[in-house]
């Protein structure tokens, strides 16, 4: 029998094997810059698409809320299943594709911030107010896009502001004008989508939400039995 002290035996025993931690799985990521003229509804589009928000997303900063406009870059994301034609590679091993949305300001005085956001994007979504069409900062964002990316999607927002009977015709005319404006750029064949990211606008949505909250507060609290004999 082995008469060595228990301490010596314990020291001689091999250390327990550490369980291998699974390697983190990262989805394939694309950075999408969301740009356009001020008040075209960029943040509303981002809000409608996003499922994961950062602390700097959706104009959460007090100054942005006070001024009712985007003042700095906002980041959020959403995931979709990985397309069949995209195969996992050494840099990622997931079955999802992540889109990180970079919400850029639209005011002319914040052009440096806009350019900063454009430098990290793989794709650009240009949000255009379908009623107002191309505006000053819309054109400036196109110039930035020409320099920073080869891929563009044009989003005609606020289609709910068009009379329903005239909506399809108005969108077709706006698309035709846009094609003419993009004819000499590398985005001449960019896809165009139409949407209403926030029906009635953010102010209407805020009033509606407050009305619902007020109604809930005004509802009488139902009597509940305490089960006392």
C-alpha atoms as a PDB file:
ATOM      1  CA  UNK A   1       0.000   0.000   0.000  1.00  0.00           C
ATOM      2  CA  UNK A   2       1.157   3.517  -0.771  1.00  0.00           C
ATOM      3  CA  UNK A   3       2.132   5.109   2.574  1.00  0.00           C
ATOM      4  CA  UNK A   4       2.958   8.583   1.235  1.00  0.00           C
ATOM      5  CA  UNK A   5       1.252  11.431   3.073  1.00  0.00           C
ATOM      6  CA  UNK A   6      -2.077  12.418   1.613  1.00  0.00           C
ATOM      7  CA  UNK A   7      -0.745  15.926   0.859  1.00  0.00           C
ATOM      8  CA  UNK A   8       2.062  14.495  -1.304  1.00  0.00           C
ATOM      9  CA  UNK A   9      -0.367  12.240  -3.148  1.00  0.00           C
ATOM     10  CA  UNK A  10      -2.679  15.155  -3.815  1.00  0.00           C
ATOM     11  CA  UNK A  11       0.229  17.236  -5.128  1.00  0.00           C
ATOM     12  CA  UNK A  12       1.333  14.431  -7.422  1.00  0.00           C
ATOM     13  CA  UNK A  13      -2.125  13.937  -8.892  1.00  0.00           C
ATOM     14  CA  UNK A  14      -2.663  15.607 -12.288  1.00  0.00           C
ATOM     15  CA  UNK A  15      -4.818  18.762 -12.147  1.00  0.00           C
ATOM     16  CA  UNK A  16      -8.423  18.324 -13.283  1.00  0.00           C
ATOM     17  CA  UNK A  17      -8.952  19.153 -16.915  1.00  0.00           C
ATOM     18  CA  UNK A  18     -10.661  22.456 -17.543  1.00  0.00           C
ATOM     19  CA  UNK A  19     -13.777  22.250 -19.626  1.00  0.00           C
ATOM     20  CA  UNK A  20     -13.238  23.859 -22.976  1.00  0.00           C
ATOM     21  CA  UNK A  21     -15.448  26.922 -23.331  1.00  0.00           C
ATOM     22  CA  UNK A  22     -17.343  27.008 -26.602  1.00  0.00           C
ATOM     23  CA  UNK A  23     -16.013  29.575 -29.019  1.00  0.00           C
ATOM     24  CA  UNK A  24     -18.354  32.540 -29.436  1.00  0.00           C
ATOM     25  CA  UNK A  25     -20.366  32.488 -32.638  1.00  0.00           C
ATOM     26  CA  UNK A  26     -20.488  35.790 -34.490  1.00  0.00           C
ATOM     27  CA  UNK A  27     -22.983  36.479 -37.262  1.00  0.00           C
ATOM     28  CA  UNK A  28     -21.910  37.929 -40.555  1.00  0.00           C
ATOM     29  CA  UNK A  29     -22.387  41.689 -40.145  1.00  0.00           C
ATOM     30  CA  UNK A  30     -23.135  44.483 -42.602  1.00  0.00           C
ATOM     31  CA  UNK A  31     -23.040  48.137 -41.564  1.00  0.00           C
ATOM     32  CA  UNK A  32     -25.886  50.093 -43.148  1.00  0.00           C
ATOM     33  CA  UNK A  33     -25.727  53.879 -43.136  1.00  0.00           C
ATOM     34  CA  UNK A  34     -29.184  55.473 -42.956  1.00  0.00           C
ATOM     35  CA  UNK A  35     -28.948  58.992 -44.362  1.00  0.00           C
ATOM     36  CA  UNK A  36     -31.102  61.748 -45.800  1.00  0.00           C
ATOM     37  CA  UNK A  37     -32.342  65.291 -45.371  1.00  0.00           C
ATOM     38  CA  UNK A  38     -33.347  66.432 -41.908  1.00  0.00           C
ATOM     39  CA  UNK A  39     -36.917  65.402 -40.984  1.00  0.00           C
ATOM     40  CA  UNK A  40     -37.186  62.825 -43.766  1.00  0.00           C
ATOM     41  CA  UNK A  41     -37.936  60.130 -41.183  1.00  0.00           C
ATOM     42  CA  UNK A  42     -34.570  58.357 -40.980  1.00  0.00           C
ATOM     43  CA  UNK A  43     -34.856  57.551 -37.272  1.00  0.00           C
ATOM     44  CA  UNK A  44     -38.428  56.312 -37.782  1.00  0.00           C
ATOM     45  CA  UNK A  45     -37.181  53.890 -40.441  1.00  0.00           C
ATOM     46  CA  UNK A  46     -34.435  52.697 -38.092  1.00  0.00           C
ATOM     47  CA  UNK A  47     -36.933  52.295 -35.254  1.00  0.00           C
ATOM     48  CA  UNK A  48     -39.280  50.236 -37.435  1.00  0.00           C
ATOM     49  CA  UNK A  49     -36.470  47.861 -38.473  1.00  0.00           C
ATOM     50  CA  UNK A  50     -34.441  47.462 -35.285  1.00  0.00           C
ATOM     51  CA  UNK A  51     -34.726  44.645 -32.762  1.00  0.00           C
ATOM     52  CA  UNK A  52     -31.562  45.443 -30.760  1.00  0.00           C
ATOM     53  CA  UNK A  53     -30.808  48.980 -29.609  1.00  0.00           C
ATOM     54  CA  UNK A  54     -27.645  50.567 -28.278  1.00  0.00           C
ATOM     55  CA  UNK A  55     -27.620  53.243 -25.598  1.00  0.00           C
ATOM     56  CA  UNK A  56     -27.030  55.846 -28.317  1.00  0.00           C
ATOM     57  CA  UNK A  57     -29.868  54.811 -30.639  1.00  0.00           C
ATOM     58  CA  UNK A  58     -33.156  56.498 -31.559  1.00  0.00           C
ATOM     59  CA  UNK A  59     -32.142  59.966 -30.353  1.00  0.00           C
ATOM     60  CA  UNK A  60     -32.026  58.965 -26.679  1.00  0.00           C
ATOM     61  CA  UNK A  61     -29.667  61.816 -25.759  1.00  0.00           C
ATOM     62  CA  UNK A  62     -31.474  64.580 -23.810  1.00  0.00           C
ATOM     63  CA  UNK A  63     -30.352  67.269 -26.274  1.00  0.00           C
ATOM     64  CA  UNK A  64     -31.647  65.256 -29.231  1.00  0.00           C
ATOM     65  CA  UNK A  65     -35.006  64.850 -27.501  1.00  0.00           C
ATOM     66  CA  UNK A  66     -35.148  68.536 -26.643  1.00  0.00           C
ATOM     67  CA  UNK A  67     -34.393  69.646 -30.203  1.00  0.00           C
ATOM     68  CA  UNK A  68     -36.397  66.857 -31.855  1.00  0.00           C
ATOM     69  CA  UNK A  69     -33.584  65.840 -34.223  1.00  0.00           C
ATOM     70  CA  UNK A  70     -30.650  63.457 -34.552  1.00  0.00           C
ATOM     71  CA  UNK A  71     -27.423  65.084 -33.350  1.00  0.00           C
ATOM     72  CA  UNK A  72     -25.025  62.137 -33.224  1.00  0.00           C
ATOM     73  CA  UNK A  73     -24.602  58.688 -34.701  1.00  0.00           C
ATOM     74  CA  UNK A  74     -27.050  56.072 -33.430  1.00  0.00           C
ATOM     75  CA  UNK A  75     -26.479  52.316 -33.591  1.00  0.00           C
ATOM     76  CA  UNK A  76     -29.011  49.480 -33.632  1.00  0.00           C
ATOM     77  CA  UNK A  77     -29.418  46.178 -35.439  1.00  0.00           C
ATOM     78  CA  UNK A  78     -31.635  43.356 -36.632  1.00  0.00           C
ATOM     79  CA  UNK A  79     -30.891  39.795 -37.763  1.00  0.00           C
ATOM     80  CA  UNK A  80     -32.236  37.705 -40.623  1.00  0.00           C
ATOM     81  CA  UNK A  81     -31.542  34.099 -41.654  1.00  0.00           C
ATOM     82  CA  UNK A  82     -28.344  33.715 -43.646  1.00  0.00           C
ATOM     83  CA  UNK A  83     -29.192  33.619 -47.384  1.00  0.00           C
ATOM     84  CA  UNK A  84     -28.661  30.301 -49.126  1.00  0.00           C
ATOM     85  CA  UNK A  85     -25.985  31.699 -51.427  1.00  0.00           C
ATOM     86  CA  UNK A  86     -23.854  32.879 -48.483  1.00  0.00           C
ATOM     87  CA  UNK A  87     -21.813  30.143 -46.851  1.00  0.00           C
ATOM     88  CA  UNK A  88     -20.255  30.430 -43.373  1.00  0.00           C
ATOM     89  CA  UNK A  89     -16.528  31.080 -43.502  1.00  0.00           C
ATOM     90  CA  UNK A  90     -13.552  31.230 -41.130  1.00  0.00           C
ATOM     91  CA  UNK A  91     -14.535  34.656 -39.812  1.00  0.00           C
ATOM     92  CA  UNK A  92     -18.076  33.609 -38.853  1.00  0.00           C
ATOM     93  CA  UNK A  93     -19.937  30.384 -38.234  1.00  0.00           C
ATOM     94  CA  UNK A  94     -23.544  31.386 -37.740  1.00  0.00           C
ATOM     95  CA  UNK A  95     -26.811  30.912 -39.567  1.00  0.00           C
ATOM     96  CA  UNK A  96     -27.803  34.577 -39.329  1.00  0.00           C
ATOM     97  CA  UNK A  97     -26.947  37.808 -41.103  1.00  0.00           C
ATOM     98  CA  UNK A  98     -26.786  40.890 -38.893  1.00  0.00           C
ATOM     99  CA  UNK A  99     -27.524  44.380 -40.188  1.00  0.00           C
ATOM    100  CA  UNK A 100     -26.103  47.145 -37.999  1.00  0.00           C
ATOM    101  CA  UNK A 101     -27.952  50.383 -38.725  1.00  0.00           C
ATOM    102  CA  UNK A 102     -25.944  53.596 -38.424  1.00  0.00           C
ATOM    103  CA  UNK A 103     -28.485  56.402 -37.989  1.00  0.00           C
ATOM    104  CA  UNK A 104     -26.788  59.584 -39.266  1.00  0.00           C
ATOM    105  CA  UNK A 105     -27.893  63.182 -38.634  1.00  0.00           C
ATOM    106  CA  UNK A 106     -29.518  65.068 -41.499  1.00  0.00           C
ATOM    107  CA  UNK A 107     -28.821  68.681 -40.582  1.00  0.00           C
ATOM    108  CA  UNK A 108     -26.251  70.551 -42.686  1.00  0.00           C
ATOM    109  CA  UNK A 109     -24.378  71.784 -39.596  1.00  0.00           C
ATOM    110  CA  UNK A 110     -23.601  68.152 -38.672  1.00  0.00           C
ATOM    111  CA  UNK A 111     -21.928  67.207 -41.950  1.00  0.00           C
ATOM    112  CA  UNK A 112     -18.739  66.089 -40.169  1.00  0.00           C
ATOM    113  CA  UNK A 113     -20.728  63.596 -38.124  1.00  0.00           C
ATOM    114  CA  UNK A 114     -22.458  62.369 -41.279  1.00  0.00           C
ATOM    115  CA  UNK A 115     -19.106  61.810 -42.994  1.00  0.00           C
ATOM    116  CA  UNK A 116     -17.835  59.986 -39.898  1.00  0.00           C
ATOM    117  CA  UNK A 117     -20.758  57.579 -40.104  1.00  0.00           C
ATOM    118  CA  UNK A 118     -20.290  57.096 -43.846  1.00  0.00           C
ATOM    119  CA  UNK A 119     -16.718  55.926 -43.376  1.00  0.00           C
ATOM    120  CA  UNK A 120     -17.792  52.687 -41.662  1.00  0.00           C
ATOM    121  CA  UNK A 121     -20.686  51.593 -43.873  1.00  0.00           C
ATOM    122  CA  UNK A 122     -20.988  48.734 -46.356  1.00  0.00           C
ATOM    123  CA  UNK A 123     -24.348  49.856 -47.720  1.00  0.00           C
ATOM    124  CA  UNK A 124     -26.318  53.092 -47.723  1.00  0.00           C
ATOM    125  CA  UNK A 125     -30.068  53.594 -47.319  1.00  0.00           C
ATOM    126  CA  UNK A 126     -31.081  57.040 -48.554  1.00  0.00           C
ATOM    127  CA  UNK A 127     -34.358  58.104 -46.928  1.00  0.00           C
ATOM    128  CA  UNK A 128     -36.362  60.584 -49.011  1.00  0.00           C
ATOM    129  CA  UNK A 129     -39.587  62.333 -48.020  1.00  0.00           C
ATOM    130  CA  UNK A 130     -41.812  61.239 -50.910  1.00  0.00           C
ATOM    131  CA  UNK A 131     -43.835  64.465 -50.690  1.00  0.00           C
ATOM    132  CA  UNK A 132     -40.814  66.818 -50.780  1.00  0.00           C
ATOM    133  CA  UNK A 133     -38.528  64.746 -52.982  1.00  0.00           C
ATOM    134  CA  UNK A 134     -34.796  65.430 -53.262  1.00  0.00           C
ATOM    135  CA  UNK A 135     -33.600  68.176 -50.906  1.00  0.00           C
ATOM    136  CA  UNK A 136     -30.291  69.844 -50.122  1.00  0.00           C
ATOM    137  CA  UNK A 137     -28.914  67.282 -47.664  1.00  0.00           C
ATOM    138  CA  UNK A 138     -30.313  64.444 -49.796  1.00  0.00           C
ATOM    139  CA  UNK A 139     -27.992  65.523 -52.586  1.00  0.00           C
ATOM    140  CA  UNK A 140     -25.074  65.938 -50.167  1.00  0.00           C
ATOM    141  CA  UNK A 141     -25.626  62.408 -48.843  1.00  0.00           C
ATOM    142  CA  UNK A 142     -25.539  61.098 -52.409  1.00  0.00           C
ATOM    143  CA  UNK A 143     -22.144  62.745 -52.916  1.00  0.00           C
ATOM    144  CA  UNK A 144     -20.889  61.113 -49.701  1.00  0.00           C
ATOM    145  CA  UNK A 145     -22.316  57.793 -50.859  1.00  0.00           C
ATOM    146  CA  UNK A 146     -20.514  58.077 -54.207  1.00  0.00           C
ATOM    147  CA  UNK A 147     -17.230  58.239 -52.292  1.00  0.00           C
ATOM    148  CA  UNK A 148     -17.864  55.656 -49.569  1.00  0.00           C
ATOM    149  CA  UNK A 149     -19.993  52.817 -50.973  1.00  0.00           C
ATOM    150  CA  UNK A 150     -21.074  51.055 -54.159  1.00  0.00           C
ATOM    151  CA  UNK A 151     -24.475  49.939 -52.881  1.00  0.00           C
ATOM    152  CA  UNK A 152     -27.514  52.131 -52.315  1.00  0.00           C
ATOM    153  CA  UNK A 153     -31.191  51.570 -51.539  1.00  0.00           C
ATOM    154  CA  UNK A 154     -33.555  54.532 -51.839  1.00  0.00           C
ATOM    155  CA  UNK A 155     -36.415  54.566 -49.342  1.00  0.00           C
ATOM    156  CA  UNK A 156     -39.362  56.816 -50.163  1.00  0.00           C
ATOM    157  CA  UNK A 157     -40.812  57.482 -46.715  1.00  0.00           C
ATOM    158  CA  UNK A 158     -44.076  59.083 -45.546  1.00  0.00           C
ATOM    159  CA  UNK A 159     -46.234  57.602 -48.310  1.00  0.00           C
ATOM    160  CA  UNK A 160     -49.132  57.742 -45.855  1.00  0.00           C
ATOM    161  CA  UNK A 161     -49.134  61.526 -46.415  1.00  0.00           C
ATOM    162  CA  UNK A 162     -50.231  60.965 -50.020  1.00  0.00           C
ATOM    163  CA  UNK A 163     -53.976  60.615 -50.776  1.00  0.00           C
ATOM    164  CA  UNK A 164     -54.669  56.913 -51.084  1.00  0.00           C
ATOM    165  CA  UNK A 165     -56.317  57.242 -54.499  1.00  0.00           C
ATOM    166  CA  UNK A 166     -53.266  59.076 -55.880  1.00  0.00           C
ATOM    167  CA  UNK A 167     -50.563  57.202 -53.970  1.00  0.00           C
ATOM    168  CA  UNK A 168     -49.420  54.716 -56.603  1.00  0.00           C
ATOM    169  CA  UNK A 169     -49.258  57.384 -59.319  1.00  0.00           C
ATOM    170  CA  UNK A 170     -47.386  59.823 -57.037  1.00  0.00           C
ATOM    171  CA  UNK A 171     -44.799  57.172 -56.087  1.00  0.00           C
ATOM    172  CA  UNK A 172     -44.296  56.288 -59.770  1.00  0.00           C
ATOM    173  CA  UNK A 173     -43.723  59.953 -60.657  1.00  0.00           C
ATOM    174  CA  UNK A 174     -41.327  60.440 -57.719  1.00  0.00           C
ATOM    175  CA  UNK A 175     -39.386  57.342 -58.799  1.00  0.00           C
ATOM    176  CA  UNK A 176     -39.143  58.634 -62.375  1.00  0.00           C
ATOM    177  CA  UNK A 177     -37.796  62.001 -61.168  1.00  0.00           C
ATOM    178  CA  UNK A 178     -35.307  60.200 -58.933  1.00  0.00           C
ATOM    179  CA  UNK A 179     -34.074  58.026 -61.804  1.00  0.00           C
ATOM    180  CA  UNK A 180     -33.422  61.159 -63.839  1.00  0.00           C
ATOM    181  CA  UNK A 181     -31.479  62.718 -60.959  1.00  0.00           C
ATOM    182  CA  UNK A 182     -29.389  59.571 -60.492  1.00  0.00           C
ATOM    183  CA  UNK A 183     -28.796  59.039 -64.215  1.00  0.00           C
ATOM    184  CA  UNK A 184     -25.210  60.316 -64.147  1.00  0.00           C
ATOM    185  CA  UNK A 185     -24.244  58.614 -60.869  1.00  0.00           C
ATOM    186  CA  UNK A 186     -23.168  55.059 -60.128  1.00  0.00           C
ATOM    187  CA  UNK A 187     -26.513  54.600 -58.329  1.00  0.00           C
ATOM    188  CA  UNK A 188     -28.611  54.922 -61.499  1.00  0.00           C
ATOM    189  CA  UNK A 189     -30.002  51.385 -61.029  1.00  0.00           C
ATOM    190  CA  UNK A 190     -30.428  51.547 -57.244  1.00  0.00           C
ATOM    191  CA  UNK A 191     -33.536  49.737 -55.954  1.00  0.00           C
ATOM    192  CA  UNK A 192     -36.363  51.949 -54.671  1.00  0.00           C
ATOM    193  CA  UNK A 193     -38.802  51.001 -51.912  1.00  0.00           C
ATOM    194  CA  UNK A 194     -41.741  52.969 -50.545  1.00  0.00           C
ATOM    195  CA  UNK A 195     -42.929  52.870 -46.961  1.00  0.00           C
ATOM    196  CA  UNK A 196     -44.589  54.713 -44.091  1.00  0.00           C
ATOM    197  CA  UNK A 197     -42.201  54.077 -41.194  1.00  0.00           C
ATOM    198  CA  UNK A 198     -44.445  55.917 -38.742  1.00  0.00           C
ATOM    199  CA  UNK A 199     -48.013  56.422 -39.947  1.00  0.00           C
ATOM    200  CA  UNK A 200     -49.086  59.986 -39.233  1.00  0.00           C
ATOM    201  CA  UNK A 201     -45.585  61.035 -38.155  1.00  0.00           C
ATOM    202  CA  UNK A 202     -43.703  60.840 -34.859  1.00  0.00           C
ATOM    203  CA  UNK A 203     -45.728  63.663 -33.270  1.00  0.00           C
ATOM    204  CA  UNK A 204     -49.017  61.932 -34.036  1.00  0.00           C
ATOM    205  CA  UNK A 205     -47.606  58.650 -32.716  1.00  0.00           C
ATOM    206  CA  UNK A 206     -46.453  60.380 -29.519  1.00  0.00           C
ATOM    207  CA  UNK A 207     -49.897  61.955 -28.955  1.00  0.00           C
ATOM    208  CA  UNK A 208     -51.572  58.606 -29.652  1.00  0.00           C
ATOM    209  CA  UNK A 209     -49.307  56.860 -27.160  1.00  0.00           C
ATOM    210  CA  UNK A 210     -50.010  59.523 -24.538  1.00  0.00           C
ATOM    211  CA  UNK A 211     -53.776  59.210 -25.152  1.00  0.00           C
ATOM    212  CA  UNK A 212     -53.572  55.454 -24.625  1.00  0.00           C
ATOM    213  CA  UNK A 213     -51.563  55.941 -21.445  1.00  0.00           C
ATOM    214  CA  UNK A 214     -54.080  58.515 -20.179  1.00  0.00           C
ATOM    215  CA  UNK A 215     -56.978  56.147 -20.836  1.00  0.00           C
ATOM    216  CA  UNK A 216     -55.208  53.376 -18.917  1.00  0.00           C
ATOM    217  CA  UNK A 217     -54.626  55.726 -16.000  1.00  0.00           C
ATOM    218  CA  UNK A 218     -58.275  56.813 -16.055  1.00  0.00           C
ATOM    219  CA  UNK A 219     -59.675  53.279 -16.060  1.00  0.00           C
ATOM    220  CA  UNK A 220     -61.049  52.238 -12.659  1.00  0.00           C
ATOM    221  CA  UNK A 221     -59.104  49.554 -10.881  1.00  0.00           C
ATOM    222  CA  UNK A 222     -61.284  46.419 -10.650  1.00  0.00           C
ATOM    223  CA  UNK A 223     -62.188  45.218  -7.176  1.00  0.00           C
ATOM    224  CA  UNK A 224     -60.169  42.208  -6.181  1.00  0.00           C
ATOM    225  CA  UNK A 225     -61.209  39.716  -3.557  1.00  0.00           C
ATOM    226  CA  UNK A 226     -58.618  39.269  -0.841  1.00  0.00           C
ATOM    227  CA  UNK A 227     -60.020  35.911   0.104  1.00  0.00           C
ATOM    228  CA  UNK A 228     -60.676  36.959   3.741  1.00  0.00           C
ATOM    229  CA  UNK A 229     -63.304  35.017   5.650  1.00  0.00           C
END
